[in-house]
């Protein structure tokens, strides 16, 4: 039986060298190296829903800039001969959709033959016939454009109570609302990221004091803050933006603080700190990129929320000063005639709904694209 020494005591001549004539090297990388943002863009492009939402946002931005220029009407052009006109769209009017028709109630049947009251071609259909005190009355559907004597004009979204073109006012209002929302959200994100990053990174007493300050600021209702600001600064874009910024950054600050508390003790942060990396670089180079997904998602969602907030302020009379429109101002004016002229509410409501859905879907796509755990994956 062989001993342990004899088993492991192998003579040198039993060994031989192999691959002496071969050149060993690592396999070459194929393709170009992707940076953080380029890798995020590659993954974002594969998300068809997010790209569709981004396209819709860009379309609305494009229309808000250029549509009022080519409508042929100014946003404050008033004409008392075309008050509350229904929408009339070329092509669709032939199939009975947005054909410029409206209902005229309680009309004497004999007056239908009067060309001064009902011009030729204005009556489309008699809806109902009835008698009131031996007088024959009818409810008729008329072509409002012929009925009002403006048969050669088209208002794609109708007109308001002062005869102003709602197409022009809606897209100009969308421009104003987007400017207010984007400026306010940008300021909120900047303040919230810096504030939350400092509080979450340093922690301890610094974190406690900074969070107590946010609780004090959040205790003031936004309506009261907005009212006081508007009383001091007047009803303008600056006052509304400031009202949205006063306590709008607090949610972002808390979100970023939570992300920093989550990531600051990770191994890569501890390694960087051990190598002497300064706090500023640790915060904005190592930790913040890993928190960017939720921040971007919140920013995208905050834009329509800011538009909703502006609409609410307009609803209670704290919106922009007339005649400047916004989506909130249009909805505030339209709700007064909702049952009589529902289309005046329909188009602003559709636009704000599309904005909300698009920003949410686009924000979800950006969140997935910027997720560091997905980097380098197909």
Protein backbone atom coordinates (compact mmCIF):
# COMPACT_ATOMS: atom_id res chain seq x y z
CA UNK A 1 0.00 0.00 0.00
CA UNK A 2 1.42 3.42 -1.08
CA UNK A 3 2.03 6.05 1.50
CA UNK A 4 0.74 9.61 1.20
CA UNK A 5 4.26 10.85 0.38
CA UNK A 6 4.59 8.35 -2.48
CA UNK A 7 1.21 9.40 -3.91
CA UNK A 8 2.08 13.10 -4.12
CA UNK A 9 5.77 12.66 -4.90
CA UNK A 10 5.42 12.68 -8.72
CA UNK A 11 8.65 12.77 -10.74
CA UNK A 12 9.31 15.86 -12.81
CA UNK A 13 9.72 13.93 -16.06
CA UNK A 14 6.04 12.98 -15.98
CA UNK A 15 5.05 16.63 -16.49
CA UNK A 16 5.08 18.29 -19.92
CA UNK A 17 4.33 21.80 -21.20
CA UNK A 18 1.45 22.41 -23.57
CA UNK A 19 0.41 25.40 -25.77
CA UNK A 20 3.98 26.73 -25.77
CA UNK A 21 3.57 27.85 -29.38
CA UNK A 22 0.05 29.32 -28.96
CA UNK A 23 -0.65 33.01 -28.35
CA UNK A 24 -3.20 33.41 -25.59
CA UNK A 25 -5.32 36.59 -25.48
CA UNK A 26 -8.75 37.74 -24.41
CA UNK A 27 -11.58 37.74 -26.88
CA UNK A 28 -12.08 41.09 -28.58
CA UNK A 29 -15.18 43.08 -27.70
CA UNK A 30 -17.69 43.43 -30.51
CA UNK A 31 -19.60 46.66 -30.91
CA UNK A 32 -19.08 50.05 -29.29
CA UNK A 33 -19.08 50.79 -25.58
CA UNK A 34 -22.34 52.28 -24.29
CA UNK A 35 -22.46 55.02 -21.73
CA UNK A 36 -25.16 55.32 -19.09
CA UNK A 37 -27.44 57.66 -21.05
CA UNK A 38 -26.88 55.99 -24.41
CA UNK A 39 -27.70 52.63 -22.93
CA UNK A 40 -30.87 54.14 -21.44
CA UNK A 41 -31.83 55.58 -24.83
CA UNK A 42 -31.36 52.19 -26.52
CA UNK A 43 -33.72 50.55 -24.03
CA UNK A 44 -36.20 53.43 -24.24
CA UNK A 45 -36.45 53.06 -28.02
CA UNK A 46 -37.50 49.44 -27.58
CA UNK A 47 -40.44 50.51 -25.43
CA UNK A 48 -43.06 51.22 -28.08
CA UNK A 49 -45.63 52.51 -25.61
CA UNK A 50 -43.18 55.05 -24.19
CA UNK A 51 -42.16 56.17 -27.68
CA UNK A 52 -45.82 56.59 -28.65
CA UNK A 53 -46.43 58.63 -25.49
CA UNK A 54 -43.36 60.78 -26.21
CA UNK A 55 -44.60 61.34 -29.76
CA UNK A 56 -47.98 62.45 -28.44
CA UNK A 57 -46.32 64.89 -26.02
CA UNK A 58 -44.16 66.31 -28.83
CA UNK A 59 -47.23 66.62 -31.05
CA UNK A 60 -49.09 68.60 -28.38
CA UNK A 61 -46.04 70.82 -27.85
CA UNK A 62 -45.78 71.38 -31.61
CA UNK A 63 -49.47 72.25 -31.89
CA UNK A 64 -49.33 74.58 -28.90
CA UNK A 65 -46.54 76.52 -30.60
CA UNK A 66 -47.71 76.65 -34.22
CA UNK A 67 -51.47 75.93 -34.32
CA UNK A 68 -52.54 79.40 -33.09
CA UNK A 69 -50.44 81.04 -35.82
CA UNK A 70 -52.30 79.42 -38.71
CA UNK A 71 -55.89 79.41 -37.45
CA UNK A 72 -56.77 82.79 -38.94
CA UNK A 73 -58.17 84.05 -35.64
CA UNK A 74 -56.54 85.71 -32.66
CA UNK A 75 -56.99 84.25 -29.21
CA UNK A 76 -58.89 87.39 -28.14
CA UNK A 77 -60.76 88.22 -31.36
CA UNK A 78 -64.35 88.79 -30.24
CA UNK A 79 -67.43 88.76 -32.44
CA UNK A 80 -70.89 89.00 -30.89
CA UNK A 81 -72.46 87.58 -34.06
CA UNK A 82 -70.89 84.15 -33.47
CA UNK A 83 -71.44 83.50 -29.76
CA UNK A 84 -71.23 79.87 -28.59
CA UNK A 85 -70.98 78.42 -32.08
CA UNK A 86 -70.83 74.59 -32.25
CA UNK A 87 -67.78 72.86 -33.80
CA UNK A 88 -67.71 72.57 -37.58
CA UNK A 89 -65.04 70.41 -39.22
CA UNK A 90 -64.63 70.16 -43.02
CA UNK A 91 -65.30 66.62 -44.20
CA UNK A 92 -66.89 65.42 -40.97
CA UNK A 93 -69.89 67.69 -41.45
CA UNK A 94 -71.03 65.54 -44.38
CA UNK A 95 -71.47 62.52 -42.11
CA UNK A 96 -73.21 64.41 -39.33
CA UNK A 97 -70.23 64.73 -36.94
CA UNK A 98 -69.22 68.22 -35.84
CA UNK A 99 -71.41 69.61 -38.60
CA UNK A 100 -72.10 72.95 -36.90
CA UNK A 101 -75.65 72.04 -35.94
CA UNK A 102 -77.50 73.04 -32.81
CA UNK A 103 -81.02 72.77 -31.41
CA UNK A 104 -83.38 75.74 -31.22
CA UNK A 105 -86.27 75.10 -28.83
CA UNK A 106 -89.76 76.55 -28.55
CA UNK A 107 -90.08 78.10 -31.99
CA UNK A 108 -93.39 79.04 -33.57
CA UNK A 109 -93.96 76.68 -36.46
CA UNK A 110 -95.09 79.52 -38.67
CA UNK A 111 -91.76 81.30 -38.19
CA UNK A 112 -89.93 78.51 -40.02
CA UNK A 113 -91.06 80.04 -43.29
CA UNK A 114 -89.69 83.47 -42.33
CA UNK A 115 -86.34 83.89 -44.18
CA UNK A 116 -85.22 86.60 -41.78
CA UNK A 117 -85.44 84.25 -38.78
CA UNK A 118 -84.57 81.02 -40.55
CA UNK A 119 -82.53 81.62 -43.73
CA UNK A 120 -82.81 79.13 -46.55
CA UNK A 121 -80.99 75.89 -45.78
CA UNK A 122 -80.66 76.61 -42.06
CA UNK A 123 -83.32 74.12 -40.88
CA UNK A 124 -81.97 70.57 -40.88
CA UNK A 125 -84.72 68.67 -39.07
CA UNK A 126 -87.85 69.23 -37.00
CA UNK A 127 -87.23 67.33 -33.78
CA UNK A 128 -90.54 67.75 -31.98
CA UNK A 129 -93.93 69.35 -32.55
CA UNK A 130 -96.26 70.39 -29.73
CA UNK A 131 -98.95 72.93 -28.89
CA UNK A 132 -98.83 75.61 -26.18
CA UNK A 133 -102.07 77.59 -25.67
CA UNK A 134 -103.32 76.74 -29.17
CA UNK A 135 -100.01 77.84 -30.71
CA UNK A 136 -98.07 75.25 -32.72
CA UNK A 137 -94.48 75.09 -31.48
CA UNK A 138 -91.51 73.08 -32.65
CA UNK A 139 -87.99 72.20 -31.61
CA UNK A 140 -85.72 72.29 -34.65
CA UNK A 141 -82.18 71.27 -35.48
CA UNK A 142 -80.50 74.02 -37.48
CA UNK A 143 -77.19 74.65 -39.15
CA UNK A 144 -75.91 77.29 -36.73
CA UNK A 145 -73.54 78.82 -39.28
CA UNK A 146 -76.30 79.48 -41.84
CA UNK A 147 -78.72 80.41 -39.05
CA UNK A 148 -76.29 83.08 -37.74
CA UNK A 149 -75.31 84.26 -41.22
CA UNK A 150 -71.69 83.05 -41.19
CA UNK A 151 -72.05 80.06 -43.48
CA UNK A 152 -68.58 80.37 -45.05
CA UNK A 153 -66.63 80.11 -41.79
CA UNK A 154 -65.37 77.08 -39.89
CA UNK A 155 -64.62 76.88 -36.17
CA UNK A 156 -63.08 73.48 -35.55
CA UNK A 157 -63.88 73.57 -31.83
CA UNK A 158 -66.60 76.21 -31.87
CA UNK A 159 -66.57 79.57 -30.13
CA UNK A 160 -67.05 80.73 -26.55
CA UNK A 161 -69.45 83.18 -24.91
CA UNK A 162 -67.62 86.15 -26.49
CA UNK A 163 -67.38 84.63 -29.97
CA UNK A 164 -63.67 83.77 -29.66
CA UNK A 165 -62.26 80.81 -31.59
CA UNK A 166 -61.77 77.93 -29.15
CA UNK A 167 -59.24 76.16 -31.40
CA UNK A 168 -56.87 79.11 -31.09
CA UNK A 169 -57.57 79.59 -27.40
CA UNK A 170 -57.14 75.90 -26.59
CA UNK A 171 -53.69 75.58 -28.17
CA UNK A 172 -52.52 78.91 -26.82
CA UNK A 173 -53.86 77.82 -23.43
CA UNK A 174 -51.98 74.52 -23.76
CA UNK A 175 -48.81 76.50 -24.41
CA UNK A 176 -49.32 78.65 -21.31
CA UNK A 177 -50.21 75.64 -19.15
CA UNK A 178 -47.18 73.67 -20.35
CA UNK A 179 -44.88 76.62 -19.67
CA UNK A 180 -46.28 76.98 -16.15
CA UNK A 181 -46.06 73.24 -15.49
CA UNK A 182 -42.58 72.67 -16.92
CA UNK A 183 -41.02 75.68 -15.18
CA UNK A 184 -42.66 74.82 -11.85
CA UNK A 185 -41.75 71.12 -12.07
CA UNK A 186 -38.15 71.91 -13.08
CA UNK A 187 -37.76 74.17 -10.06
CA UNK A 188 -39.39 71.58 -7.78
CA UNK A 189 -37.13 68.79 -9.07
CA UNK A 190 -33.96 70.87 -8.69
CA UNK A 191 -34.79 72.01 -5.16
CA UNK A 192 -36.10 68.59 -4.12
CA UNK A 193 -33.09 66.66 -5.46
CA UNK A 194 -30.52 68.91 -3.79
CA UNK A 195 -32.43 69.12 -0.51
CA UNK A 196 -33.25 65.41 -0.31
CA UNK A 197 -29.74 64.36 -1.35
CA UNK A 198 -28.12 66.40 1.42
CA UNK A 199 -30.61 65.19 4.04
CA UNK A 200 -30.34 61.54 3.04
CA UNK A 201 -26.57 61.46 2.60
CA UNK A 202 -25.56 63.14 5.87
CA UNK A 203 -28.43 61.75 7.97
CA UNK A 204 -28.45 62.17 11.73
CA UNK A 205 -29.16 65.63 13.13
CA UNK A 206 -28.95 67.23 9.68
CA UNK A 207 -31.63 64.88 8.37
CA UNK A 208 -33.91 65.45 11.38
CA UNK A 209 -33.72 69.25 11.15
CA UNK A 210 -34.23 69.35 7.37
CA UNK A 211 -37.21 67.00 7.49
CA UNK A 212 -38.87 69.01 10.26
CA UNK A 213 -38.54 72.10 8.05
CA UNK A 214 -40.33 70.30 5.22
CA UNK A 215 -43.14 69.30 7.58
CA UNK A 216 -43.60 72.93 8.64
CA UNK A 217 -43.75 74.11 5.02
CA UNK A 218 -46.13 71.29 4.03
CA UNK A 219 -48.49 72.28 6.85
CA UNK A 220 -49.57 75.39 4.92
CA UNK A 221 -52.41 74.59 2.46
CA UNK A 222 -51.53 75.33 -1.13
CA UNK A 223 -54.74 77.29 -1.71
CA UNK A 224 -53.94 79.69 1.13
CA UNK A 225 -50.36 80.11 -0.05
CA UNK A 226 -51.52 80.72 -3.63
CA UNK A 227 -54.15 83.22 -2.49
CA UNK A 228 -51.62 85.22 -0.49
CA UNK A 229 -49.11 85.21 -3.34
CA UNK A 230 -51.70 86.33 -5.88
CA UNK A 231 -52.86 89.10 -3.55
CA UNK A 232 -49.27 90.32 -3.33
CA UNK A 233 -48.02 89.64 -6.88
CA UNK A 234 -51.28 89.74 -8.83
CA UNK A 235 -52.82 87.14 -11.14
CA UNK A 236 -49.97 86.28 -13.45
CA UNK A 237 -47.80 83.42 -14.60
CA UNK A 238 -45.07 84.26 -12.07
CA UNK A 239 -47.46 84.13 -9.13
CA UNK A 240 -48.93 80.77 -10.21
CA UNK A 241 -45.49 79.23 -10.76
CA UNK A 242 -44.32 80.46 -7.36
CA UNK A 243 -47.48 79.05 -5.77
CA UNK A 244 -46.73 75.64 -7.29
CA UNK A 245 -43.10 75.76 -6.15
CA UNK A 246 -43.57 76.87 -2.52
CA UNK A 247 -44.30 73.36 -1.28
CA UNK A 248 -44.27 71.33 -4.51
CA UNK A 249 -40.66 70.22 -4.06
CA UNK A 250 -41.28 68.44 -0.75
CA UNK A 251 -42.45 65.16 -2.31
CA UNK A 252 -39.34 65.00 -4.49
CA UNK A 253 -37.11 65.77 -1.51
CA UNK A 254 -38.61 62.90 0.50
CA UNK A 255 -38.29 60.53 -2.46
CA UNK A 256 -34.63 61.40 -3.03
CA UNK A 257 -33.90 61.19 0.71
CA UNK A 258 -35.32 57.67 0.79
CA UNK A 259 -33.23 56.65 -2.21
CA UNK A 260 -30.06 58.01 -0.61
CA UNK A 261 -30.76 56.21 2.65
CA UNK A 262 -31.12 53.05 0.58
CA UNK A 263 -27.94 53.38 -1.49
CA UNK A 264 -25.44 55.26 0.64
CA UNK A 265 -24.30 52.13 2.54
CA UNK A 266 -23.83 50.02 -0.59
CA UNK A 267 -20.41 48.51 -1.25
CA UNK A 268 -19.52 50.73 -4.20
CA UNK A 269 -20.21 53.86 -2.13
CA UNK A 270 -18.13 52.58 0.79
CA UNK A 271 -15.31 51.70 -1.61
CA UNK A 272 -15.39 55.15 -3.19
CA UNK A 273 -15.40 56.79 0.24
CA UNK A 274 -12.43 54.66 1.29
CA UNK A 275 -10.52 55.85 -1.79
CA UNK A 276 -11.09 59.46 -0.70
CA UNK A 277 -13.82 60.48 -3.14
CA UNK A 278 -15.33 63.81 -1.92
CA UNK A 279 -18.92 63.99 -0.71
CA UNK A 280 -20.04 66.12 -3.65
CA UNK A 281 -18.90 63.48 -6.16
CA UNK A 282 -20.32 60.66 -4.05
CA UNK A 283 -23.73 62.36 -4.01
CA UNK A 284 -24.04 63.41 -7.65
CA UNK A 285 -21.82 60.84 -9.40
CA UNK A 286 -22.27 57.59 -7.50
CA UNK A 287 -25.60 57.68 -5.64
CA UNK A 288 -27.86 60.06 -7.58
CA UNK A 289 -27.64 58.17 -10.94
CA UNK A 290 -29.03 55.10 -9.18
CA UNK A 291 -31.95 57.20 -7.93
CA UNK A 292 -32.69 58.93 -11.22
CA UNK A 293 -35.43 56.52 -12.33
CA UNK A 294 -37.99 57.36 -9.60
CA UNK A 295 -37.08 61.06 -9.85
CA UNK A 296 -37.73 61.17 -13.60
CA UNK A 297 -40.96 59.24 -13.18
CA UNK A 298 -42.12 61.72 -10.56
CA UNK A 299 -41.14 64.62 -12.81
CA UNK A 300 -43.19 63.24 -15.70
CA UNK A 301 -46.21 62.69 -13.45
CA UNK A 302 -45.79 66.11 -11.84
CA UNK A 303 -46.27 67.95 -15.15
CA UNK A 304 -49.96 67.01 -15.63
CA UNK A 305 -50.48 67.37 -11.87
CA UNK A 306 -49.19 70.94 -12.15
CA UNK A 307 -51.64 71.54 -14.99
CA UNK A 308 -54.42 70.17 -12.79
CA UNK A 309 -53.32 72.47 -9.96
CA UNK A 310 -53.36 75.45 -12.31
CA UNK A 311 -56.83 74.39 -13.47
CA UNK A 312 -58.04 74.25 -9.87
CA UNK A 313 -56.67 77.72 -9.15
CA UNK A 314 -58.44 79.00 -12.27
CA UNK A 315 -61.66 77.28 -11.19
CA UNK A 316 -61.72 79.20 -7.89
CA UNK A 317 -60.87 82.48 -9.58
CA UNK A 318 -57.11 82.54 -8.96
CA UNK A 319 -56.04 81.75 -12.51
CA UNK A 320 -54.54 83.93 -15.20
CA UNK A 321 -55.93 87.37 -15.77
CA UNK A 322 -58.26 87.72 -18.78
CA UNK A 323 -57.99 87.53 -21.72
CA UNK A 324 -54.96 85.20 -21.44
CA UNK A 325 -56.17 81.59 -21.74
CA UNK A 326 -54.93 78.36 -20.19
CA UNK A 327 -56.44 74.90 -20.01
CA UNK A 328 -57.64 75.69 -16.50
CA UNK A 329 -59.23 78.98 -17.57
CA UNK A 330 -60.99 77.26 -20.49
CA UNK A 331 -62.36 74.54 -18.23
CA UNK A 332 -63.45 77.12 -15.69
CA UNK A 333 -65.37 79.06 -18.33
CA UNK A 334 -66.79 75.92 -19.97
CA UNK A 335 -68.18 74.37 -16.79
CA UNK A 336 -70.61 77.28 -16.49
CA UNK A 337 -72.30 76.18 -19.74
CA UNK A 338 -71.59 72.45 -19.48
CA UNK A 339 -75.17 71.31 -20.00
CA UNK A 340 -75.92 73.80 -22.78
CA UNK A 341 -72.66 73.68 -24.75
CA UNK A 342 -70.83 70.49 -23.69
CA UNK A 343 -68.26 70.66 -26.49
CA UNK A 344 -66.65 73.67 -24.81
CA UNK A 345 -65.69 71.34 -21.96
CA UNK A 346 -65.04 68.29 -24.16
CA UNK A 347 -61.91 69.45 -26.00
CA UNK A 348 -59.97 70.87 -23.00
CA UNK A 349 -60.90 67.75 -21.01
CA UNK A 350 -59.64 65.46 -23.79
CA UNK A 351 -56.40 67.42 -24.09
CA UNK A 352 -55.65 67.37 -20.37
CA UNK A 353 -56.51 63.64 -20.24
CA UNK A 354 -54.16 62.85 -23.14
CA UNK A 355 -51.42 64.87 -21.45
CA UNK A 356 -51.92 62.97 -18.19
CA UNK A 357 -51.85 59.52 -19.84
CA UNK A 358 -48.91 60.38 -22.11
CA UNK A 359 -46.73 61.76 -19.33
CA UNK A 360 -47.50 58.76 -17.13
CA UNK A 361 -46.63 56.23 -19.84
CA UNK A 362 -43.53 58.16 -20.87
CA UNK A 363 -42.46 58.43 -17.23
CA UNK A 364 -42.79 54.67 -16.79
CA UNK A 365 -40.67 54.13 -19.88
CA UNK A 366 -37.98 56.49 -18.62
CA UNK A 367 -38.00 54.79 -15.23
CA UNK A 368 -37.30 51.42 -16.83
CA UNK A 369 -34.70 52.91 -19.18
CA UNK A 370 -32.74 54.57 -16.38
CA UNK A 371 -32.93 51.58 -14.05
CA UNK A 372 -29.24 50.74 -13.38
CA UNK A 373 -30.06 47.07 -12.78
CA UNK A 374 -31.18 46.82 -16.42
CA UNK A 375 -27.98 48.29 -17.84
CA UNK A 376 -26.36 46.13 -20.45
CA UNK A 377 -29.35 43.83 -20.84
CA UNK A 378 -31.15 43.23 -24.12
